[in-house]
Amino acid sequence: MRDPDRGPGVVQARVQAKLGDFFQPSHLQVINESHMHSVPPGSESHFKVVLVAAAFAGQRKVQRHQQVYAVLSEEMQEAIHALALHTYTPEEWRDRTAAPASPQCLGGSKADT
């Protein structure tokens, strides 16, 4: 959720910096998808990450995701409610043009109950 003591994009910038520093990726996108969910305007709680790194070679998807969660453990406890991860090696990414599109949020808000 949005912290009034932080400006817009602060969580997104922290996520981008931490993942960039740790993985040294050949491609990194951190997309704030909070606007697609039932959250207040300006929220930074739902993100999509597309991360291409040589460090993922030989790892299963769950191992890659565990690494990302470990790097972002503080943000996951404090600010991030949902994190869609798309992790690739450079070889896997070479055959793609983009990560899968995110589905529309089907959840309602508390006002709907």
PDB file of N, CA and C in Angstrom:
ATOM      1  N   MET A   1       0.831  -1.173   0.000  1.00  0.00           N
ATOM      2  CA  MET A   1       0.000   0.000   0.000  1.00  0.00           C
ATOM      3  C   MET A   1       0.884   1.248   0.000  1.00  0.00           C
ATOM      4  N   ARG A   2       0.309   2.361  -0.268  1.00  0.00           N
ATOM      5  CA  ARG A   2       1.088   3.597  -0.365  1.00  0.00           C
ATOM      6  C   ARG A   2       1.354   4.169   1.020  1.00  0.00           C
ATOM      7  N   ASP A   3       2.591   4.505   1.249  1.00  0.00           N
ATOM      8  CA  ASP A   3       3.017   5.141   2.486  1.00  0.00           C
ATOM      9  C   ASP A   3       3.053   6.639   2.228  1.00  0.00           C
ATOM     10  N   PRO A   4       2.301   7.447   2.991  1.00  0.00           N
ATOM     11  CA  PRO A   4       2.263   8.881   2.731  1.00  0.00           C
ATOM     12  C   PRO A   4       3.616   9.569   2.909  1.00  0.00           C
ATOM     13  N   ASP A   5       4.562   8.911   3.582  1.00  0.00           N
ATOM     14  CA  ASP A   5       5.886   9.499   3.773  1.00  0.00           C
ATOM     15  C   ASP A   5       6.808   9.253   2.582  1.00  0.00           C
ATOM     16  N   ARG A   6       6.330   8.489   1.618  1.00  0.00           N
ATOM     17  CA  ARG A   6       7.150   8.189   0.444  1.00  0.00           C
ATOM     18  C   ARG A   6       6.451   8.722  -0.792  1.00  0.00           C
ATOM     19  N   GLY A   7       7.225   9.199  -1.732  1.00  0.00           N
ATOM     20  CA  GLY A   7       6.654   9.708  -2.967  1.00  0.00           C
ATOM     21  C   GLY A   7       6.288   8.576  -3.907  1.00  0.00           C
ATOM     22  N   PRO A   8       5.602   8.925  -5.000  1.00  0.00           N
ATOM     23  CA  PRO A   8       5.211   7.898  -5.964  1.00  0.00           C
ATOM     24  C   PRO A   8       6.430   7.260  -6.611  1.00  0.00           C
ATOM     25  N   GLY A   9       6.372   5.966  -6.790  1.00  0.00           N
ATOM     26  CA  GLY A   9       7.438   5.243  -7.459  1.00  0.00           C
ATOM     27  C   GLY A   9       8.585   4.816  -6.576  1.00  0.00           C
ATOM     28  N   VAL A  10       8.526   5.092  -5.283  1.00  0.00           N
ATOM     29  CA  VAL A  10       9.652   4.765  -4.399  1.00  0.00           C
ATOM     30  C   VAL A  10       9.815   3.251  -4.242  1.00  0.00           C
ATOM     31  N   VAL A  11       8.725   2.542  -4.023  1.00  0.00           N
ATOM     32  CA  VAL A  11       8.813   1.085  -3.870  1.00  0.00           C
ATOM     33  C   VAL A  11       9.289   0.476  -5.181  1.00  0.00           C
ATOM     34  N   GLN A  12       8.729   0.921  -6.278  1.00  0.00           N
ATOM     35  CA  GLN A  12       9.123   0.422  -7.593  1.00  0.00           C
ATOM     36  C   GLN A  12      10.619   0.651  -7.823  1.00  0.00           C
ATOM     37  N   ALA A  13      11.117   1.813  -7.485  1.00  0.00           N
ATOM     38  CA  ALA A  13      12.539   2.128  -7.658  1.00  0.00           C
ATOM     39  C   ALA A  13      13.416   1.249  -6.769  1.00  0.00           C
ATOM     40  N   ARG A  14      12.970   0.999  -5.538  1.00  0.00           N
ATOM     41  CA  ARG A  14      13.744   0.124  -4.631  1.00  0.00           C
ATOM     42  C   ARG A  14      13.811  -1.295  -5.176  1.00  0.00           C
ATOM     43  N   VAL A  15      12.684  -1.793  -5.669  1.00  0.00           N
ATOM     44  CA  VAL A  15      12.648  -3.143  -6.239  1.00  0.00           C
ATOM     45  C   VAL A  15      13.598  -3.218  -7.430  1.00  0.00           C
ATOM     46  N   GLN A  16      13.523  -2.242  -8.307  1.00  0.00           N
ATOM     47  CA  GLN A  16      14.380  -2.215  -9.494  1.00  0.00           C
ATOM     48  C   GLN A  16      15.859  -2.177  -9.086  1.00  0.00           C
ATOM     49  N   ALA A  17      16.200  -1.336  -8.135  1.00  0.00           N
ATOM     50  CA  ALA A  17      17.595  -1.208  -7.710  1.00  0.00           C
ATOM     51  C   ALA A  17      18.108  -2.496  -7.057  1.00  0.00           C
ATOM     52  N   LYS A  18      17.323  -3.069  -6.174  1.00  0.00           N
ATOM     53  CA  LYS A  18      17.772  -4.289  -5.483  1.00  0.00           C
ATOM     54  C   LYS A  18      17.961  -5.448  -6.455  1.00  0.00           C
ATOM     55  N   LEU A  19      16.998  -5.639  -7.355  1.00  0.00           N
ATOM     56  CA  LEU A  19      17.117  -6.742  -8.318  1.00  0.00           C
ATOM     57  C   LEU A  19      18.267  -6.485  -9.284  1.00  0.00           C
ATOM     58  N   GLY A  20      18.423  -5.245  -9.718  1.00  0.00           N
ATOM     59  CA  GLY A  20      19.525  -4.914 -10.619  1.00  0.00           C
ATOM     60  C   GLY A  20      20.881  -5.131  -9.979  1.00  0.00           C
ATOM     61  N   ASP A  21      21.016  -4.704  -8.734  1.00  0.00           N
ATOM     62  CA  ASP A  21      22.293  -4.867  -8.022  1.00  0.00           C
ATOM     63  C   ASP A  21      22.627  -6.336  -7.791  1.00  0.00           C
ATOM     64  N   PHE A  22      21.635  -7.116  -7.391  1.00  0.00           N
ATOM     65  CA  PHE A  22      21.894  -8.509  -7.040  1.00  0.00           C
ATOM     66  C   PHE A  22      22.109  -9.391  -8.266  1.00  0.00           C
ATOM     67  N   PHE A  23      21.231  -9.276  -9.257  1.00  0.00           N
ATOM     68  CA  PHE A  23      21.261 -10.200 -10.398  1.00  0.00           C
ATOM     69  C   PHE A  23      22.091  -9.705 -11.583  1.00  0.00           C
ATOM     70  N   GLN A  24      22.377  -8.395 -11.664  1.00  0.00           N
ATOM     71  CA  GLN A  24      23.072  -7.846 -12.825  1.00  0.00           C
ATOM     72  C   GLN A  24      22.402  -8.357 -14.111  1.00  0.00           C
ATOM     73  N   PRO A  25      21.117  -8.114 -14.252  1.00  0.00           N
ATOM     74  CA  PRO A  25      20.354  -8.705 -15.359  1.00  0.00           C
ATOM     75  C   PRO A  25      20.674  -8.077 -16.716  1.00  0.00           C
ATOM     76  N   SER A  26      20.426  -8.869 -17.759  1.00  0.00           N
ATOM     77  CA  SER A  26      20.534  -8.333 -19.118  1.00  0.00           C
ATOM     78  C   SER A  26      19.234  -7.637 -19.511  1.00  0.00           C
ATOM     79  N   HIS A  27      18.163  -7.923 -18.793  1.00  0.00           N
ATOM     80  CA  HIS A  27      16.874  -7.255 -19.018  1.00  0.00           C
ATOM     81  C   HIS A  27      16.120  -7.249 -17.690  1.00  0.00           C
ATOM     82  N   LEU A  28      15.544  -6.103 -17.342  1.00  0.00           N
ATOM     83  CA  LEU A  28      14.769  -5.987 -16.110  1.00  0.00           C
ATOM     84  C   LEU A  28      13.651  -4.983 -16.318  1.00  0.00           C
ATOM     85  N   GLN A  29      12.432  -5.415 -16.037  1.00  0.00           N
ATOM     86  CA  GLN A  29      11.276  -4.535 -16.036  1.00  0.00           C
ATOM     87  C   GLN A  29      10.570  -4.729 -14.697  1.00  0.00           C
ATOM     88  N   VAL A  30      10.258  -3.638 -14.044  1.00  0.00           N
ATOM     89  CA  VAL A  30       9.457  -3.649 -12.826  1.00  0.00           C
ATOM     90  C   VAL A  30       8.257  -2.759 -13.122  1.00  0.00           C
ATOM     91  N   ILE A  31       7.088  -3.373 -13.196  1.00  0.00           N
ATOM     92  CA  ILE A  31       5.885  -2.668 -13.616  1.00  0.00           C
ATOM     93  C   ILE A  31       4.893  -2.620 -12.463  1.00  0.00           C
ATOM     94  N   ASN A  32       4.495  -1.424 -12.092  1.00  0.00           N
ATOM     95  CA  ASN A  32       3.499  -1.252 -11.039  1.00  0.00           C
ATOM     96  C   ASN A  32       2.121  -1.519 -11.648  1.00  0.00           C
ATOM     97  N   GLU A  33       1.489  -2.605 -11.236  1.00  0.00           N
ATOM     98  CA  GLU A  33       0.162  -2.970 -11.737  1.00  0.00           C
ATOM     99  C   GLU A  33      -0.930  -2.729 -10.698  1.00  0.00           C
ATOM    100  N   SER A  34      -0.623  -1.924  -9.711  1.00  0.00           N
ATOM    101  CA  SER A  34      -1.581  -1.664  -8.632  1.00  0.00           C
ATOM    102  C   SER A  34      -2.880  -1.074  -9.160  1.00  0.00           C
ATOM    103  N   HIS A  35      -2.792  -0.252 -10.204  1.00  0.00           N
ATOM    104  CA  HIS A  35      -3.991   0.379 -10.764  1.00  0.00           C
ATOM    105  C   HIS A  35      -5.002  -0.644 -11.292  1.00  0.00           C
ATOM    106  N   MET A  36      -4.564  -1.882 -11.505  1.00  0.00           N
ATOM    107  CA  MET A  36      -5.448  -2.937 -12.013  1.00  0.00           C
ATOM    108  C   MET A  36      -6.199  -3.639 -10.888  1.00  0.00           C
ATOM    109  N   HIS A  37      -6.008  -3.203  -9.657  1.00  0.00           N
ATOM    110  CA  HIS A  37      -6.570  -3.868  -8.492  1.00  0.00           C
ATOM    111  C   HIS A  37      -7.374  -2.886  -7.640  1.00  0.00           C
ATOM    112  N   SER A  38      -8.076  -3.421  -6.688  1.00  0.00           N
ATOM    113  CA  SER A  38      -8.920  -2.599  -5.807  1.00  0.00           C
ATOM    114  C   SER A  38      -8.086  -1.993  -4.689  1.00  0.00           C
ATOM    115  N   VAL A  39      -7.281  -1.014  -5.059  1.00  0.00           N
ATOM    116  CA  VAL A  39      -6.427  -0.317  -4.097  1.00  0.00           C
ATOM    117  C   VAL A  39      -6.561   1.185  -4.344  1.00  0.00           C
ATOM    118  N   PRO A  40      -6.202   1.999  -3.374  1.00  0.00           N
ATOM    119  CA  PRO A  40      -6.289   3.450  -3.555  1.00  0.00           C
ATOM    120  C   PRO A  40      -5.373   3.933  -4.680  1.00  0.00           C
ATOM    121  N   PRO A  41      -5.764   5.020  -5.351  1.00  0.00           N
ATOM    122  CA  PRO A  41      -4.892   5.599  -6.380  1.00  0.00           C
ATOM    123  C   PRO A  41      -3.505   5.903  -5.811  1.00  0.00           C
ATOM    124  N   GLY A  42      -2.481   5.667  -6.609  1.00  0.00           N
ATOM    125  CA  GLY A  42      -1.115   5.931  -6.186  1.00  0.00           C
ATOM    126  C   GLY A  42      -0.473   4.792  -5.404  1.00  0.00           C
ATOM    127  N   SER A  43      -1.184   3.684  -5.245  1.00  0.00           N
ATOM    128  CA  SER A  43      -0.643   2.553  -4.487  1.00  0.00           C
ATOM    129  C   SER A  43       0.538   1.916  -5.218  1.00  0.00           C
ATOM    130  N   GLU A  44       1.408   1.324  -4.431  1.00  0.00           N
ATOM    131  CA  GLU A  44       2.536   0.543  -4.950  1.00  0.00           C
ATOM    132  C   GLU A  44       2.537  -0.787  -4.215  1.00  0.00           C
ATOM    133  N   SER A  45       1.595  -1.640  -4.563  1.00  0.00           N
ATOM    134  CA  SER A  45       1.445  -2.894  -3.835  1.00  0.00           C
ATOM    135  C   SER A  45       1.410  -4.121  -4.735  1.00  0.00           C
ATOM    136  N   HIS A  46       1.184  -3.945  -6.025  1.00  0.00           N
ATOM    137  CA  HIS A  46       1.089  -5.049  -6.964  1.00  0.00           C
ATOM    138  C   HIS A  46       2.079  -4.790  -8.108  1.00  0.00           C
ATOM    139  N   PHE A  47       3.028  -5.710  -8.283  1.00  0.00           N
ATOM    140  CA  PHE A  47       4.059  -5.525  -9.297  1.00  0.00           C
ATOM    141  C   PHE A  47       4.210  -6.751 -10.179  1.00  0.00           C
ATOM    142  N   LYS A  48       4.646  -6.479 -11.393  1.00  0.00           N
ATOM    143  CA  LYS A  48       5.052  -7.515 -12.337  1.00  0.00           C
ATOM    144  C   LYS A  48       6.535  -7.294 -12.598  1.00  0.00           C
ATOM    145  N   VAL A  49       7.319  -8.352 -12.479  1.00  0.00           N
ATOM    146  CA  VAL A  49       8.758  -8.274 -12.699  1.00  0.00           C
ATOM    147  C   VAL A  49       9.132  -9.225 -13.829  1.00  0.00           C
ATOM    148  N   VAL A  50       9.838  -8.684 -14.807  1.00  0.00           N
ATOM    149  CA  VAL A  50      10.428  -9.491 -15.876  1.00  0.00           C
ATOM    150  C   VAL A  50      11.936  -9.376 -15.678  1.00  0.00           C
ATOM    151  N   LEU A  51      12.554 -10.501 -15.369  1.00  0.00           N
ATOM    152  CA  LEU A  51      13.966 -10.514 -14.974  1.00  0.00           C
ATOM    153  C   LEU A  51      14.718 -11.563 -15.790  1.00  0.00           C
ATOM    154  N   VAL A  52      15.708 -11.123 -16.537  1.00  0.00           N
ATOM    155  CA  VAL A  52      16.530 -11.999 -17.366  1.00  0.00           C
ATOM    156  C   VAL A  52      17.952 -11.952 -16.825  1.00  0.00           C
ATOM    157  N   ALA A  53      18.430 -13.099 -16.329  1.00  0.00           N
ATOM    158  CA  ALA A  53      19.750 -13.120 -15.707  1.00  0.00           C
ATOM    159  C   ALA A  53      20.447 -14.458 -15.937  1.00  0.00           C
ATOM    160  N   ALA A  54      21.721 -14.389 -16.174  1.00  0.00           N
ATOM    161  CA  ALA A  54      22.525 -15.601 -16.340  1.00  0.00           C
ATOM    162  C   ALA A  54      22.517 -16.447 -15.071  1.00  0.00           C
ATOM    163  N   ALA A  55      22.296 -15.814 -13.924  1.00  0.00           N
ATOM    164  CA  ALA A  55      22.275 -16.533 -12.645  1.00  0.00           C
ATOM    165  C   ALA A  55      21.187 -17.593 -12.591  1.00  0.00           C
ATOM    166  N   PHE A  56      20.191 -17.510 -13.460  1.00  0.00           N
ATOM    167  CA  PHE A  56      19.095 -18.477 -13.449  1.00  0.00           C
ATOM    168  C   PHE A  56      19.407 -19.768 -14.206  1.00  0.00           C
ATOM    169  N   ALA A  57      20.541 -19.840 -14.872  1.00  0.00           N
ATOM    170  CA  ALA A  57      20.899 -21.033 -15.638  1.00  0.00           C
ATOM    171  C   ALA A  57      20.920 -22.259 -14.734  1.00  0.00           C
ATOM    172  N   GLY A  58      20.251 -23.307 -15.183  1.00  0.00           N
ATOM    173  CA  GLY A  58      20.227 -24.565 -14.444  1.00  0.00           C
ATOM    174  C   GLY A  58      19.260 -24.590 -13.269  1.00  0.00           C
ATOM    175  N   GLN A  59      18.496 -23.537 -13.067  1.00  0.00           N
ATOM    176  CA  GLN A  59      17.563 -23.477 -11.941  1.00  0.00           C
ATOM    177  C   GLN A  59      16.129 -23.683 -12.412  1.00  0.00           C
ATOM    178  N   ARG A  60      15.352 -24.363 -11.583  1.00  0.00           N
ATOM    179  CA  ARG A  60      13.915 -24.494 -11.824  1.00  0.00           C
ATOM    180  C   ARG A  60      13.249 -23.169 -11.481  1.00  0.00           C
ATOM    181  N   LYS A  61      12.036 -23.005 -11.970  1.00  0.00           N
ATOM    182  CA  LYS A  61      11.288 -21.762 -11.746  1.00  0.00           C
ATOM    183  C   LYS A  61      11.157 -21.456 -10.256  1.00  0.00           C
ATOM    184  N   VAL A  62      10.878 -22.456  -9.446  1.00  0.00           N
ATOM    185  CA  VAL A  62      10.698 -22.213  -8.008  1.00  0.00           C
ATOM    186  C   VAL A  62      11.991 -21.705  -7.366  1.00  0.00           C
ATOM    187  N   GLN A  63      13.130 -22.204  -7.803  1.00  0.00           N
ATOM    188  CA  GLN A  63      14.409 -21.740  -7.262  1.00  0.00           C
ATOM    189  C   GLN A  63      14.672 -20.286  -7.649  1.00  0.00           C
ATOM    190  N   ARG A  64      14.313 -19.928  -8.860  1.00  0.00           N
ATOM    191  CA  ARG A  64      14.471 -18.548  -9.321  1.00  0.00           C
ATOM    192  C   ARG A  64      13.596 -17.617  -8.485  1.00  0.00           C
ATOM    193  N   HIS A  65      12.353 -18.024  -8.284  1.00  0.00           N
ATOM    194  CA  HIS A  65      11.420 -17.198  -7.517  1.00  0.00           C
ATOM    195  C   HIS A  65      11.870 -17.060  -6.067  1.00  0.00           C
ATOM    196  N   GLN A  66      12.379 -18.129  -5.498  1.00  0.00           N
ATOM    197  CA  GLN A  66      12.877 -18.064  -4.121  1.00  0.00           C
ATOM    198  C   GLN A  66      14.011 -17.057  -3.995  1.00  0.00           C
ATOM    199  N   GLN A  67      14.878 -17.004  -4.990  1.00  0.00           N
ATOM    200  CA  GLN A  67      15.973 -16.030  -4.973  1.00  0.00           C
ATOM    201  C   GLN A  67      15.433 -14.603  -4.997  1.00  0.00           C
ATOM    202  N   VAL A  68      14.463 -14.357  -5.858  1.00  0.00           N
ATOM    203  CA  VAL A  68      13.878 -13.014  -5.953  1.00  0.00           C
ATOM    204  C   VAL A  68      13.205 -12.644  -4.638  1.00  0.00           C
ATOM    205  N   TYR A  69      12.431 -13.569  -4.074  1.00  0.00           N
ATOM    206  CA  TYR A  69      11.764 -13.295  -2.794  1.00  0.00           C
ATOM    207  C   TYR A  69      12.785 -12.998  -1.697  1.00  0.00           C
ATOM    208  N   ALA A  70      13.907 -13.697  -1.693  1.00  0.00           N
ATOM    209  CA  ALA A  70      14.937 -13.447  -0.682  1.00  0.00           C
ATOM    210  C   ALA A  70      15.515 -12.034  -0.827  1.00  0.00           C
ATOM    211  N   VAL A  71      15.774 -11.618  -2.057  1.00  0.00           N
ATOM    212  CA  VAL A  71      16.316 -10.277  -2.300  1.00  0.00           C
ATOM    213  C   VAL A  71      15.313  -9.202  -1.873  1.00  0.00           C
ATOM    214  N   LEU A  72      14.021  -9.478  -2.087  1.00  0.00           N
ATOM    215  CA  LEU A  72      12.980  -8.492  -1.795  1.00  0.00           C
ATOM    216  C   LEU A  72      12.235  -8.790  -0.488  1.00  0.00           C
ATOM    217  N   SER A  73      12.860  -9.498   0.427  1.00  0.00           N
ATOM    218  CA  SER A  73      12.159  -9.927   1.650  1.00  0.00           C
ATOM    219  C   SER A  73      11.592  -8.755   2.440  1.00  0.00           C
ATOM    220  N   GLU A  74      12.330  -7.678   2.549  1.00  0.00           N
ATOM    221  CA  GLU A  74      11.851  -6.508   3.298  1.00  0.00           C
ATOM    222  C   GLU A  74      10.626  -5.884   2.617  1.00  0.00           C
ATOM    223  N   GLU A  75      10.697  -5.724   1.307  1.00  0.00           N
ATOM    224  CA  GLU A  75       9.577  -5.144   0.571  1.00  0.00           C
ATOM    225  C   GLU A  75       8.353  -6.054   0.613  1.00  0.00           C
ATOM    226  N   MET A  76       8.579  -7.356   0.591  1.00  0.00           N
ATOM    227  CA  MET A  76       7.454  -8.305   0.645  1.00  0.00           C
ATOM    228  C   MET A  76       6.748  -8.236   1.998  1.00  0.00           C
ATOM    229  N   GLN A  77       7.468  -7.954   3.055  1.00  0.00           N
ATOM    230  CA  GLN A  77       6.864  -7.853   4.385  1.00  0.00           C
ATOM    231  C   GLN A  77       6.182  -6.520   4.606  1.00  0.00           C
ATOM    232  N   GLU A  78       6.692  -5.462   3.961  1.00  0.00           N
ATOM    233  CA  GLU A  78       6.211  -4.122   4.273  1.00  0.00           C
ATOM    234  C   GLU A  78       5.292  -3.513   3.224  1.00  0.00           C
ATOM    235  N   ALA A  79       5.601  -3.678   1.958  1.00  0.00           N
ATOM    236  CA  ALA A  79       4.916  -2.879   0.947  1.00  0.00           C
ATOM    237  C   ALA A  79       4.216  -3.680  -0.143  1.00  0.00           C
ATOM    238  N   ILE A  80       4.789  -4.801  -0.535  1.00  0.00           N
ATOM    239  CA  ILE A  80       4.271  -5.530  -1.695  1.00  0.00           C
ATOM    240  C   ILE A  80       3.236  -6.558  -1.265  1.00  0.00           C
ATOM    241  N   HIS A  81       2.077  -6.477  -1.890  1.00  0.00           N
ATOM    242  CA  HIS A  81       1.000  -7.432  -1.637  1.00  0.00           C
ATOM    243  C   HIS A  81       1.044  -8.569  -2.652  1.00  0.00           C
ATOM    244  N   ALA A  82       1.388  -8.257  -3.900  1.00  0.00           N
ATOM    245  CA  ALA A  82       1.414  -9.265  -4.963  1.00  0.00           C
ATOM    246  C   ALA A  82       2.589  -9.003  -5.889  1.00  0.00           C
ATOM    247  N   LEU A  83       3.236 -10.098  -6.307  1.00  0.00           N
ATOM    248  CA  LEU A  83       4.407  -9.992  -7.162  1.00  0.00           C
ATOM    249  C   LEU A  83       4.325 -11.083  -8.225  1.00  0.00           C
ATOM    250  N   ALA A  84       4.103 -10.687  -9.461  1.00  0.00           N
ATOM    251  CA  ALA A  84       4.087 -11.630 -10.587  1.00  0.00           C
ATOM    252  C   ALA A  84       5.507 -11.696 -11.139  1.00  0.00           C
ATOM    253  N   LEU A  85       6.092 -12.879 -11.109  1.00  0.00           N
ATOM    254  CA  LEU A  85       7.477 -13.044 -11.531  1.00  0.00           C
ATOM    255  C   LEU A  85       7.571 -13.793 -12.850  1.00  0.00           C
ATOM    256  N   HIS A  86       8.359 -13.238 -13.753  1.00  0.00           N
ATOM    257  CA  HIS A  86       8.660 -13.867 -15.035  1.00  0.00           C
ATOM    258  C   HIS A  86      10.177 -13.864 -15.134  1.00  0.00           C
ATOM    259  N   THR A  87      10.791 -15.011 -14.863  1.00  0.00           N
ATOM    260  CA  THR A  87      12.246 -15.114 -14.771  1.00  0.00           C
ATOM    261  C   THR A  87      12.783 -15.993 -15.899  1.00  0.00           C
ATOM    262  N   TYR A  88      13.829 -15.509 -16.555  1.00  0.00           N
ATOM    263  CA  TYR A  88      14.382 -16.200 -17.714  1.00  0.00           C
ATOM    264  C   TYR A  88      15.900 -16.135 -17.712  1.00  0.00           C
ATOM    265  N   THR A  89      16.516 -17.118 -18.352  1.00  0.00           N
ATOM    266  CA  THR A  89      17.930 -17.007 -18.685  1.00  0.00           C
ATOM    267  C   THR A  89      18.009 -16.184 -19.972  1.00  0.00           C
ATOM    268  N   PRO A  90      19.180 -15.664 -20.304  1.00  0.00           N
ATOM    269  CA  PRO A  90      19.297 -14.935 -21.571  1.00  0.00           C
ATOM    270  C   PRO A  90      18.902 -15.791 -22.779  1.00  0.00           C
ATOM    271  N   GLU A  91      19.223 -17.081 -22.744  1.00  0.00           N
ATOM    272  CA  GLU A  91      18.862 -17.982 -23.848  1.00  0.00           C
ATOM    273  C   GLU A  91      17.344 -18.148 -23.956  1.00  0.00           C
ATOM    274  N   GLU A  92      16.666 -18.275 -22.828  1.00  0.00           N
ATOM    275  CA  GLU A  92      15.207 -18.396 -22.838  1.00  0.00           C
ATOM    276  C   GLU A  92      14.548 -17.111 -23.338  1.00  0.00           C
ATOM    277  N   TRP A  93      15.101 -15.977 -22.946  1.00  0.00           N
ATOM    278  CA  TRP A  93      14.525 -14.684 -23.305  1.00  0.00           C
ATOM    279  C   TRP A  93      14.721 -14.370 -24.796  1.00  0.00           C
ATOM    280  N   ARG A  94      15.794 -14.870 -25.373  1.00  0.00           N
ATOM    281  CA  ARG A  94      16.129 -14.591 -26.768  1.00  0.00           C
ATOM    282  C   ARG A  94      14.978 -14.962 -27.716  1.00  0.00           C
ATOM    283  N   ASP A  95      14.220 -16.005 -27.372  1.00  0.00           N
ATOM    284  CA  ASP A  95      13.127 -16.471 -28.225  1.00  0.00           C
ATOM    285  C   ASP A  95      11.805 -15.769 -27.939  1.00  0.00           C
ATOM    286  N   ARG A  96      11.785 -14.832 -27.006  1.00  0.00           N
ATOM    287  CA  ARG A  96      10.553 -14.131 -26.620  1.00  0.00           C
ATOM    288  C   ARG A  96      10.602 -12.687 -27.091  1.00  0.00           C
ATOM    289  N   THR A  97       9.425 -12.109 -27.202  1.00  0.00           N
ATOM    290  CA  THR A  97       9.357 -10.678 -27.482  1.00  0.00           C
ATOM    291  C   THR A  97       8.893  -9.918 -26.251  1.00  0.00           C
ATOM    292  N   ALA A  98       8.207 -10.617 -25.348  1.00  0.00           N
ATOM    293  CA  ALA A  98       7.704  -9.986 -24.119  1.00  0.00           C
ATOM    294  C   ALA A  98       7.268 -11.059 -23.149  1.00  0.00           C
ATOM    295  N   ALA A  99       7.077 -10.667 -21.906  1.00  0.00           N
ATOM    296  CA  ALA A  99       6.538 -11.573 -20.894  1.00  0.00           C
ATOM    297  C   ALA A  99       5.026 -11.682 -21.093  1.00  0.00           C
ATOM    298  N   PRO A 100       4.402 -12.718 -20.547  1.00  0.00           N
ATOM    299  CA  PRO A 100       2.948 -12.853 -20.673  1.00  0.00           C
ATOM    300  C   PRO A 100       2.224 -11.647 -20.082  1.00  0.00           C
ATOM    301  N   ALA A 101       1.097 -11.328 -20.690  1.00  0.00           N
ATOM    302  CA  ALA A 101       0.273 -10.232 -20.180  1.00  0.00           C
ATOM    303  C   ALA A 101      -0.348 -10.642 -18.848  1.00  0.00           C
ATOM    304  N   SER A 102      -0.559  -9.679 -18.000  1.00  0.00           N
ATOM    305  CA  SER A 102      -1.187  -9.942 -16.712  1.00  0.00           C
ATOM    306  C   SER A 102      -2.699 -10.011 -16.874  1.00  0.00           C
ATOM    307  N   PRO A 103      -3.346 -10.931 -16.157  1.00  0.00           N
ATOM    308  CA  PRO A 103      -4.794 -11.016 -16.237  1.00  0.00           C
ATOM    309  C   PRO A 103      -5.445  -9.855 -15.488  1.00  0.00           C
ATOM    310  N   GLN A 104      -6.665  -9.549 -15.835  1.00  0.00           N
ATOM    311  CA  GLN A 104      -7.416  -8.531 -15.116  1.00  0.00           C
ATOM    312  C   GLN A 104      -7.753  -9.059 -13.721  1.00  0.00           C
ATOM    313  N   CYS A 105      -7.753  -8.190 -12.755  1.00  0.00           N
ATOM    314  CA  CYS A 105      -8.091  -8.550 -11.385  1.00  0.00           C
ATOM    315  C   CYS A 105      -9.579  -8.896 -11.329  1.00  0.00           C
ATOM    316  N   LEU A 106      -9.881 -10.056 -10.765  1.00  0.00           N
ATOM    317  CA  LEU A 106     -11.280 -10.473 -10.625  1.00  0.00           C
ATOM    318  C   LEU A 106     -11.790 -10.285  -9.208  1.00  0.00           C
ATOM    319  N   GLY A 107     -10.908  -9.845  -8.325  1.00  0.00           N
ATOM    320  CA  GLY A 107     -11.285  -9.644  -6.931  1.00  0.00           C
ATOM    321  C   GLY A 107     -12.080  -8.362  -6.750  1.00  0.00           C
ATOM    322  N   GLY A 108     -12.912  -8.374  -5.757  1.00  0.00           N
ATOM    323  CA  GLY A 108     -13.696  -7.173  -5.462  1.00  0.00           C
ATOM    324  C   GLY A 108     -13.047  -6.378  -4.352  1.00  0.00           C
ATOM    325  N   SER A 109     -13.639  -5.262  -4.064  1.00  0.00           N
ATOM    326  CA  SER A 109     -13.154  -4.447  -2.972  1.00  0.00           C
ATOM    327  C   SER A 109     -13.995  -4.721  -1.735  1.00  0.00           C
ATOM    328  N   LYS A 110     -13.553  -4.223  -0.613  1.00  0.00           N
ATOM    329  CA  LYS A 110     -14.310  -4.409   0.626  1.00  0.00           C
ATOM    330  C   LYS A 110     -15.677  -3.770   0.516  1.00  0.00           C
ATOM    331  N   ALA A 111     -15.800  -2.756  -0.320  1.00  0.00           N
ATOM    332  CA  ALA A 111     -17.087  -2.074  -0.499  1.00  0.00           C
ATOM    333  C   ALA A 111     -18.107  -2.962  -1.193  1.00  0.00           C
ATOM    334  N   ASP A 112     -17.630  -4.006  -1.895  1.00  0.00           N
ATOM    335  CA  ASP A 112     -18.517  -4.898  -2.609  1.00  0.00           C
ATOM    336  C   ASP A 112     -19.158  -5.956  -1.718  1.00  0.00           C
ATOM    337  N   THR A 113     -18.663  -6.105  -0.497  1.00  0.00           N
ATOM    338  CA  THR A 113     -19.166  -7.175   0.378  1.00  0.00           C
ATOM    339  C   THR A 113     -20.329  -6.704   1.219  1.00  0.00           C
TER     340      THR A 113
END
